[in-house]
């Protein structure tokens, strides 16, 4: 069965709030040996993007949107638990402080990304949404993480992210902390991530993980920054079949 058909099946179960049918879709794939990582990247992520697109275009009701995101969060939690348990990645000695927008969907998208990062060996702390940017900034200054990751799916959250980045640059706080961004708003506006001063950005969570691993391995020193990088986000690879 193609990944697109699976995504459509999962989507239909989610927007109807059908917990049994949604779990059955996932259980079928687990029985076939599909890994938690592949579930997250090739099934969950495109389904998540479809739900977000339809909601943004007012093609699904608020009820269907809430049913889908709440149920989806349960599925992601369960799959991520298996992902972390099965990971044999060695610690990368790279700390990440992750934050996101205020919506349930922003937290859901961010969670998929940070769970993949943790499984890849990063040490991650996740604030979730709704945390004032001055508190995030203070925590960055106090803990000095290697990476500040901000996930934004809603354009309404962008001004706070921009102010945080500008403030960190203006006061020279934590010059060795890389600023990484991801999420739908950056995918929809080419060049936006670079414009606001991010060091790394990606269109897909798996791409984000790969870029952060590659970047940590190739930089001349562990604390080198790359503000103003001209590399543009690349489009995600064609979706593979999940089963």
C-alpha atoms as a PDB file:
ATOM      1  CA  UNK A   1       0.000   0.000   0.000  1.00  0.00           C
ATOM      2  CA  UNK A   2       1.372   3.430  -0.935  1.00  0.00           C
ATOM      3  CA  UNK A   3       2.306   6.056   1.630  1.00  0.00           C
ATOM      4  CA  UNK A   4      -0.295   8.408   0.132  1.00  0.00           C
ATOM      5  CA  UNK A   5      -3.111   5.918   0.616  1.00  0.00           C
ATOM      6  CA  UNK A   6      -1.985   5.264   4.180  1.00  0.00           C
ATOM      7  CA  UNK A   7      -1.857   8.974   4.868  1.00  0.00           C
ATOM      8  CA  UNK A   8      -5.398   9.386   3.537  1.00  0.00           C
ATOM      9  CA  UNK A   9      -6.644   6.536   5.728  1.00  0.00           C
ATOM     10  CA  UNK A  10      -5.026   8.036   8.791  1.00  0.00           C
ATOM     11  CA  UNK A  11      -6.296  11.507   7.925  1.00  0.00           C
ATOM     12  CA  UNK A  12      -9.894  10.295   7.670  1.00  0.00           C
ATOM     13  CA  UNK A  13      -9.698   8.535  11.024  1.00  0.00           C
ATOM     14  CA  UNK A  14      -8.126  11.565  12.689  1.00  0.00           C
ATOM     15  CA  UNK A  15     -10.609  14.204  11.537  1.00  0.00           C
ATOM     16  CA  UNK A  16     -13.462  11.933  12.636  1.00  0.00           C
ATOM     17  CA  UNK A  17     -11.833  11.403  16.015  1.00  0.00           C
ATOM     18  CA  UNK A  18     -11.994   7.638  15.456  1.00  0.00           C
ATOM     19  CA  UNK A  19      -9.359   6.459  17.931  1.00  0.00           C
ATOM     20  CA  UNK A  20      -9.780   2.759  17.184  1.00  0.00           C
ATOM     21  CA  UNK A  21      -9.471   3.169  13.422  1.00  0.00           C
ATOM     22  CA  UNK A  22      -6.461   5.482  13.757  1.00  0.00           C
ATOM     23  CA  UNK A  23      -4.684   2.999  16.023  1.00  0.00           C
ATOM     24  CA  UNK A  24      -5.498   0.176  13.614  1.00  0.00           C
ATOM     25  CA  UNK A  25      -3.748   2.008  10.775  1.00  0.00           C
ATOM     26  CA  UNK A  26      -0.615   2.324  12.903  1.00  0.00           C
ATOM     27  CA  UNK A  27      -0.812  -1.195  14.307  1.00  0.00           C
ATOM     28  CA  UNK A  28      -0.974  -2.611  10.772  1.00  0.00           C
ATOM     29  CA  UNK A  29       2.256  -0.848   9.859  1.00  0.00           C
ATOM     30  CA  UNK A  30       4.014  -1.909  13.055  1.00  0.00           C
ATOM     31  CA  UNK A  31       3.001  -5.522  12.369  1.00  0.00           C
ATOM     32  CA  UNK A  32       4.619  -5.199   8.929  1.00  0.00           C
ATOM     33  CA  UNK A  33       7.860  -4.065  10.554  1.00  0.00           C
ATOM     34  CA  UNK A  34       7.671  -0.361   9.704  1.00  0.00           C
ATOM     35  CA  UNK A  35      10.032   1.487  12.045  1.00  0.00           C
ATOM     36  CA  UNK A  36       8.919   4.298  14.381  1.00  0.00           C
ATOM     37  CA  UNK A  37      11.173   6.717  12.483  1.00  0.00           C
ATOM     38  CA  UNK A  38       9.523   5.863   9.168  1.00  0.00           C
ATOM     39  CA  UNK A  39       6.088   6.246  10.730  1.00  0.00           C
ATOM     40  CA  UNK A  40       7.013   9.721  11.937  1.00  0.00           C
ATOM     41  CA  UNK A  41       8.694  10.960   8.774  1.00  0.00           C
ATOM     42  CA  UNK A  42       6.745   9.292   5.965  1.00  0.00           C
ATOM     43  CA  UNK A  43       3.270   8.837   7.417  1.00  0.00           C
ATOM     44  CA  UNK A  44       2.720  11.210  10.322  1.00  0.00           C
ATOM     45  CA  UNK A  45       4.459  14.238   8.844  1.00  0.00           C
ATOM     46  CA  UNK A  46       2.637  14.378   5.484  1.00  0.00           C
ATOM     47  CA  UNK A  47      -0.650  13.724   7.287  1.00  0.00           C
ATOM     48  CA  UNK A  48       0.134  16.546   9.705  1.00  0.00           C
ATOM     49  CA  UNK A  49       0.936  18.888   6.813  1.00  0.00           C
ATOM     50  CA  UNK A  50      -2.333  17.969   5.077  1.00  0.00           C
ATOM     51  CA  UNK A  51      -4.365  18.731   8.198  1.00  0.00           C
ATOM     52  CA  UNK A  52      -2.571  22.053   8.632  1.00  0.00           C
ATOM     53  CA  UNK A  53      -3.106  23.032   5.002  1.00  0.00           C
ATOM     54  CA  UNK A  54      -6.809  22.237   5.026  1.00  0.00           C
ATOM     55  CA  UNK A  55      -7.317  24.050   8.319  1.00  0.00           C
ATOM     56  CA  UNK A  56      -5.431  27.098   7.084  1.00  0.00           C
ATOM     57  CA  UNK A  57      -7.655  27.167   3.983  1.00  0.00           C
ATOM     58  CA  UNK A  58     -10.857  26.683   6.057  1.00  0.00           C
ATOM     59  CA  UNK A  59     -11.585  23.358   4.378  1.00  0.00           C
ATOM     60  CA  UNK A  60     -12.122  21.469   7.633  1.00  0.00           C
ATOM     61  CA  UNK A  61     -14.150  22.556  10.646  1.00  0.00           C
ATOM     62  CA  UNK A  62     -12.676  23.584  13.985  1.00  0.00           C
ATOM     63  CA  UNK A  63     -14.252  20.470  15.463  1.00  0.00           C
ATOM     64  CA  UNK A  64     -12.518  18.199  12.951  1.00  0.00           C
ATOM     65  CA  UNK A  65      -9.250  20.077  13.468  1.00  0.00           C
ATOM     66  CA  UNK A  66      -9.378  19.715  17.237  1.00  0.00           C
ATOM     67  CA  UNK A  67     -10.365  16.056  17.030  1.00  0.00           C
ATOM     68  CA  UNK A  68      -7.453  15.360  14.691  1.00  0.00           C
ATOM     69  CA  UNK A  69      -4.716  17.241  16.559  1.00  0.00           C
ATOM     70  CA  UNK A  70      -5.645  15.853  19.984  1.00  0.00           C
ATOM     71  CA  UNK A  71      -5.804  12.277  18.739  1.00  0.00           C
ATOM     72  CA  UNK A  72      -2.668  12.760  16.657  1.00  0.00           C
ATOM     73  CA  UNK A  73      -0.763  13.855  19.752  1.00  0.00           C
ATOM     74  CA  UNK A  74      -1.584  10.526  21.418  1.00  0.00           C
ATOM     75  CA  UNK A  75      -0.293   8.570  18.421  1.00  0.00           C
ATOM     76  CA  UNK A  76       2.896  10.626  18.233  1.00  0.00           C
ATOM     77  CA  UNK A  77       3.537  10.119  21.958  1.00  0.00           C
ATOM     78  CA  UNK A  78       3.231   6.354  21.594  1.00  0.00           C
ATOM     79  CA  UNK A  79       5.392   6.142  18.483  1.00  0.00           C
ATOM     80  CA  UNK A  80       8.037   8.456  19.913  1.00  0.00           C
ATOM     81  CA  UNK A  81       8.294   6.297  23.003  1.00  0.00           C
ATOM     82  CA  UNK A  82       9.173   3.339  20.768  1.00  0.00           C
ATOM     83  CA  UNK A  83      11.513   5.510  18.688  1.00  0.00           C
ATOM     84  CA  UNK A  84      13.580   6.513  21.724  1.00  0.00           C
ATOM     85  CA  UNK A  85      13.540   3.010  23.205  1.00  0.00           C
ATOM     86  CA  UNK A  86      14.822   1.449  19.985  1.00  0.00           C
ATOM     87  CA  UNK A  87      17.484   4.072  19.256  1.00  0.00           C
ATOM     88  CA  UNK A  88      21.099   2.959  19.452  1.00  0.00           C
ATOM     89  CA  UNK A  89      22.558   6.380  18.596  1.00  0.00           C
ATOM     90  CA  UNK A  90      25.546   7.508  20.614  1.00  0.00           C
ATOM     91  CA  UNK A  91      25.252  10.823  22.519  1.00  0.00           C
ATOM     92  CA  UNK A  92      26.421  13.734  20.369  1.00  0.00           C
ATOM     93  CA  UNK A  93      27.239  15.993  23.339  1.00  0.00           C
ATOM     94  CA  UNK A  94      25.029  18.676  21.784  1.00  0.00           C
ATOM     95  CA  UNK A  95      22.356  20.370  23.888  1.00  0.00           C
ATOM     96  CA  UNK A  96      19.167  21.754  22.367  1.00  0.00           C
ATOM     97  CA  UNK A  97      16.584  24.084  23.900  1.00  0.00           C
ATOM     98  CA  UNK A  98      13.438  23.845  21.781  1.00  0.00           C
ATOM     99  CA  UNK A  99      10.445  26.162  21.793  1.00  0.00           C
ATOM    100  CA  UNK A 100       7.413  26.607  19.547  1.00  0.00           C
ATOM    101  CA  UNK A 101       4.309  28.633  18.845  1.00  0.00           C
ATOM    102  CA  UNK A 102       1.245  28.720  21.038  1.00  0.00           C
ATOM    103  CA  UNK A 103      -1.047  26.396  19.075  1.00  0.00           C
ATOM    104  CA  UNK A 104      -1.615  22.692  19.598  1.00  0.00           C
ATOM    105  CA  UNK A 105      -0.470  22.103  16.009  1.00  0.00           C
ATOM    106  CA  UNK A 106       2.822  23.919  16.583  1.00  0.00           C
ATOM    107  CA  UNK A 107       3.521  21.721  19.590  1.00  0.00           C
ATOM    108  CA  UNK A 108       2.606  18.621  17.610  1.00  0.00           C
ATOM    109  CA  UNK A 109       4.958  19.463  14.745  1.00  0.00           C
ATOM    110  CA  UNK A 110       7.743  20.485  17.097  1.00  0.00           C
ATOM    111  CA  UNK A 111       7.383  17.289  19.089  1.00  0.00           C
ATOM    112  CA  UNK A 112       7.979  15.120  16.028  1.00  0.00           C
ATOM    113  CA  UNK A 113      11.135  17.076  15.250  1.00  0.00           C
ATOM    114  CA  UNK A 114      12.575  17.003  18.761  1.00  0.00           C
ATOM    115  CA  UNK A 115      11.797  13.310  19.263  1.00  0.00           C
ATOM    116  CA  UNK A 116      13.801  12.557  16.113  1.00  0.00           C
ATOM    117  CA  UNK A 117      16.616  14.749  17.447  1.00  0.00           C
ATOM    118  CA  UNK A 118      16.642  12.924  20.779  1.00  0.00           C
ATOM    119  CA  UNK A 119      16.714   9.565  19.007  1.00  0.00           C
ATOM    120  CA  UNK A 120      19.682  10.815  16.976  1.00  0.00           C
ATOM    121  CA  UNK A 121      21.710  11.540  20.120  1.00  0.00           C
ATOM    122  CA  UNK A 122      20.968  15.185  20.919  1.00  0.00           C
ATOM    123  CA  UNK A 123      20.166  16.198  24.492  1.00  0.00           C
ATOM    124  CA  UNK A 124      16.862  18.081  24.164  1.00  0.00           C
ATOM    125  CA  UNK A 125      14.713  20.206  26.457  1.00  0.00           C
ATOM    126  CA  UNK A 126      11.322  21.312  25.115  1.00  0.00           C
ATOM    127  CA  UNK A 127       9.430  24.289  26.554  1.00  0.00           C
ATOM    128  CA  UNK A 128       6.268  23.698  24.518  1.00  0.00           C
ATOM    129  CA  UNK A 129       4.216  26.708  23.458  1.00  0.00           C
ATOM    130  CA  UNK A 130       2.967  29.761  25.264  1.00  0.00           C
ATOM    131  CA  UNK A 131       6.211  30.566  27.091  1.00  0.00           C
ATOM    132  CA  UNK A 132       7.063  34.301  27.009  1.00  0.00           C
ATOM    133  CA  UNK A 133      10.043  35.021  24.787  1.00  0.00           C
ATOM    134  CA  UNK A 134      11.841  36.898  27.566  1.00  0.00           C
ATOM    135  CA  UNK A 135      11.761  33.721  29.657  1.00  0.00           C
ATOM    136  CA  UNK A 136      13.135  31.715  26.741  1.00  0.00           C
ATOM    137  CA  UNK A 137      15.874  34.316  26.258  1.00  0.00           C
ATOM    138  CA  UNK A 138      16.759  34.230  29.948  1.00  0.00           C
ATOM    139  CA  UNK A 139      16.969  30.443  29.916  1.00  0.00           C
ATOM    140  CA  UNK A 140      19.243  30.565  26.884  1.00  0.00           C
ATOM    141  CA  UNK A 141      21.521  32.957  28.752  1.00  0.00           C
ATOM    142  CA  UNK A 142      21.444  30.829  31.903  1.00  0.00           C
ATOM    143  CA  UNK A 143      21.966  27.400  30.330  1.00  0.00           C
ATOM    144  CA  UNK A 144      23.867  28.321  27.124  1.00  0.00           C
ATOM    145  CA  UNK A 145      22.600  25.470  24.937  1.00  0.00           C
ATOM    146  CA  UNK A 146      24.472  24.565  21.775  1.00  0.00           C
ATOM    147  CA  UNK A 147      21.261  25.057  19.789  1.00  0.00           C
ATOM    148  CA  UNK A 148      18.126  27.143  20.224  1.00  0.00           C
ATOM    149  CA  UNK A 149      15.459  25.499  18.060  1.00  0.00           C
ATOM    150  CA  UNK A 150      12.234  27.381  17.376  1.00  0.00           C
ATOM    151  CA  UNK A 151       9.384  25.719  15.534  1.00  0.00           C
ATOM    152  CA  UNK A 152       6.715  27.927  14.001  1.00  0.00           C
ATOM    153  CA  UNK A 153       3.734  26.734  11.983  1.00  0.00           C
ATOM    154  CA  UNK A 154       1.610  29.867  12.470  1.00  0.00           C
ATOM    155  CA  UNK A 155       2.613  33.255  11.062  1.00  0.00           C
ATOM    156  CA  UNK A 156       1.149  34.935  14.156  1.00  0.00           C
ATOM    157  CA  UNK A 157       4.014  33.526  16.232  1.00  0.00           C
ATOM    158  CA  UNK A 158       6.717  34.873  13.928  1.00  0.00           C
ATOM    159  CA  UNK A 159       7.061  38.409  15.407  1.00  0.00           C
ATOM    160  CA  UNK A 160       8.017  37.028  18.841  1.00  0.00           C
ATOM    161  CA  UNK A 161      10.619  34.741  17.278  1.00  0.00           C
ATOM    162  CA  UNK A 162      12.053  37.633  15.284  1.00  0.00           C
ATOM    163  CA  UNK A 163      12.271  39.820  18.409  1.00  0.00           C
ATOM    164  CA  UNK A 164      14.001  37.043  20.349  1.00  0.00           C
ATOM    165  CA  UNK A 165      16.624  36.507  17.653  1.00  0.00           C
ATOM    166  CA  UNK A 166      17.201  40.254  17.254  1.00  0.00           C
ATOM    167  CA  UNK A 167      17.584  40.678  21.006  1.00  0.00           C
ATOM    168  CA  UNK A 168      20.077  37.826  21.334  1.00  0.00           C
ATOM    169  CA  UNK A 169      22.145  39.354  18.528  1.00  0.00           C
ATOM    170  CA  UNK A 170      21.908  42.923  19.790  1.00  0.00           C
ATOM    171  CA  UNK A 171      23.007  42.170  23.350  1.00  0.00           C
ATOM    172  CA  UNK A 172      25.595  39.622  22.239  1.00  0.00           C
ATOM    173  CA  UNK A 173      24.068  36.952  24.458  1.00  0.00           C
ATOM    174  CA  UNK A 174      25.298  33.401  24.009  1.00  0.00           C
ATOM    175  CA  UNK A 175      27.280  34.014  20.796  1.00  0.00           C
ATOM    176  CA  UNK A 176      28.058  30.290  20.529  1.00  0.00           C
ATOM    177  CA  UNK A 177      24.418  29.179  20.558  1.00  0.00           C
ATOM    178  CA  UNK A 178      23.191  28.292  17.092  1.00  0.00           C
ATOM    179  CA  UNK A 179      19.718  29.445  16.134  1.00  0.00           C
ATOM    180  CA  UNK A 180      17.731  26.857  14.194  1.00  0.00           C
ATOM    181  CA  UNK A 181      14.181  27.256  12.900  1.00  0.00           C
ATOM    182  CA  UNK A 182      11.629  25.000  11.281  1.00  0.00           C
ATOM    183  CA  UNK A 183       7.936  24.729  10.632  1.00  0.00           C
ATOM    184  CA  UNK A 184       5.348  25.594   8.049  1.00  0.00           C
ATOM    185  CA  UNK A 185       5.687  29.372   8.129  1.00  0.00           C
ATOM    186  CA  UNK A 186       9.303  29.107   7.001  1.00  0.00           C
ATOM    187  CA  UNK A 187       8.388  26.632   4.258  1.00  0.00           C
ATOM    188  CA  UNK A 188       5.764  29.004   2.883  1.00  0.00           C
ATOM    189  CA  UNK A 189       8.037  32.059   2.762  1.00  0.00           C
ATOM    190  CA  UNK A 190      11.287  31.430   0.915  1.00  0.00           C
ATOM    191  CA  UNK A 191      14.242  33.239   2.452  1.00  0.00           C
ATOM    192  CA  UNK A 192      12.393  34.101   5.677  1.00  0.00           C
ATOM    193  CA  UNK A 193      14.599  32.002   7.940  1.00  0.00           C
ATOM    194  CA  UNK A 194      17.738  33.593   6.535  1.00  0.00           C
ATOM    195  CA  UNK A 195      16.214  37.057   6.748  1.00  0.00           C
ATOM    196  CA  UNK A 196      15.539  36.814  10.495  1.00  0.00           C
ATOM    197  CA  UNK A 197      19.063  35.578  11.217  1.00  0.00           C
ATOM    198  CA  UNK A 198      18.669  31.821  11.645  1.00  0.00           C
ATOM    199  CA  UNK A 199      21.761  29.674  11.243  1.00  0.00           C
ATOM    200  CA  UNK A 200      20.003  26.540  10.001  1.00  0.00           C
ATOM    201  CA  UNK A 201      16.529  25.735   8.707  1.00  0.00           C
ATOM    202  CA  UNK A 202      14.797  22.847   6.997  1.00  0.00           C
ATOM    203  CA  UNK A 203      11.482  21.971   5.391  1.00  0.00           C
ATOM    204  CA  UNK A 204      11.141  18.491   6.908  1.00  0.00           C
ATOM    205  CA  UNK A 205      12.026  17.201  10.404  1.00  0.00           C
ATOM    206  CA  UNK A 206      14.239  14.403   9.089  1.00  0.00           C
ATOM    207  CA  UNK A 207      16.084  16.914   6.936  1.00  0.00           C
ATOM    208  CA  UNK A 208      16.465  19.115  10.011  1.00  0.00           C
ATOM    209  CA  UNK A 209      18.025  16.257  11.982  1.00  0.00           C
ATOM    210  CA  UNK A 210      20.397  15.374   9.147  1.00  0.00           C
ATOM    211  CA  UNK A 211      21.466  19.002   8.723  1.00  0.00           C
ATOM    212  CA  UNK A 212      22.098  19.463  12.437  1.00  0.00           C
ATOM    213  CA  UNK A 213      24.154  16.265  12.607  1.00  0.00           C
ATOM    214  CA  UNK A 214      26.145  17.196   9.507  1.00  0.00           C
ATOM    215  CA  UNK A 215      26.675  20.720  10.784  1.00  0.00           C
ATOM    216  CA  UNK A 216      27.936  19.541  14.173  1.00  0.00           C
ATOM    217  CA  UNK A 217      30.384  17.187  12.471  1.00  0.00           C
ATOM    218  CA  UNK A 218      31.762  19.598   9.869  1.00  0.00           C
ATOM    219  CA  UNK A 219      32.124  22.865  11.736  1.00  0.00           C
ATOM    220  CA  UNK A 220      35.710  23.788  12.501  1.00  0.00           C
ATOM    221  CA  UNK A 221      34.976  24.332  16.202  1.00  0.00           C
ATOM    222  CA  UNK A 222      32.007  23.248  18.327  1.00  0.00           C
ATOM    223  CA  UNK A 223      30.955  26.849  18.958  1.00  0.00           C
ATOM    224  CA  UNK A 224      31.311  28.344  15.495  1.00  0.00           C
ATOM    225  CA  UNK A 225      28.265  30.319  14.351  1.00  0.00           C
ATOM    226  CA  UNK A 226      26.996  30.717  10.833  1.00  0.00           C
ATOM    227  CA  UNK A 227      24.766  33.777  10.985  1.00  0.00           C
ATOM    228  CA  UNK A 228      23.987  35.112   7.540  1.00  0.00           C
ATOM    229  CA  UNK A 229      24.429  31.753   5.843  1.00  0.00           C
ATOM    230  CA  UNK A 230      23.247  31.937   2.240  1.00  0.00           C
ATOM    231  CA  UNK A 231      22.209  28.315   1.932  1.00  0.00           C
ATOM    232  CA  UNK A 232      18.523  28.106   1.080  1.00  0.00           C
ATOM    233  CA  UNK A 233      16.113  25.484   2.406  1.00  0.00           C
ATOM    234  CA  UNK A 234      15.836  22.504   0.134  1.00  0.00           C
ATOM    235  CA  UNK A 235      12.653  20.689  -0.736  1.00  0.00           C
ATOM    236  CA  UNK A 236      12.058  17.384   1.046  1.00  0.00           C
ATOM    237  CA  UNK A 237      12.737  14.241  -0.910  1.00  0.00           C
ATOM    238  CA  UNK A 238       9.783  12.435  -2.486  1.00  0.00           C
ATOM    239  CA  UNK A 239       7.917  10.470   0.133  1.00  0.00           C
ATOM    240  CA  UNK A 240       8.875   6.829   0.367  1.00  0.00           C
ATOM    241  CA  UNK A 241       6.376   4.070   0.797  1.00  0.00           C
ATOM    242  CA  UNK A 242       5.737   3.348   4.455  1.00  0.00           C
ATOM    243  CA  UNK A 243       4.824  -0.198   3.681  1.00  0.00           C
END
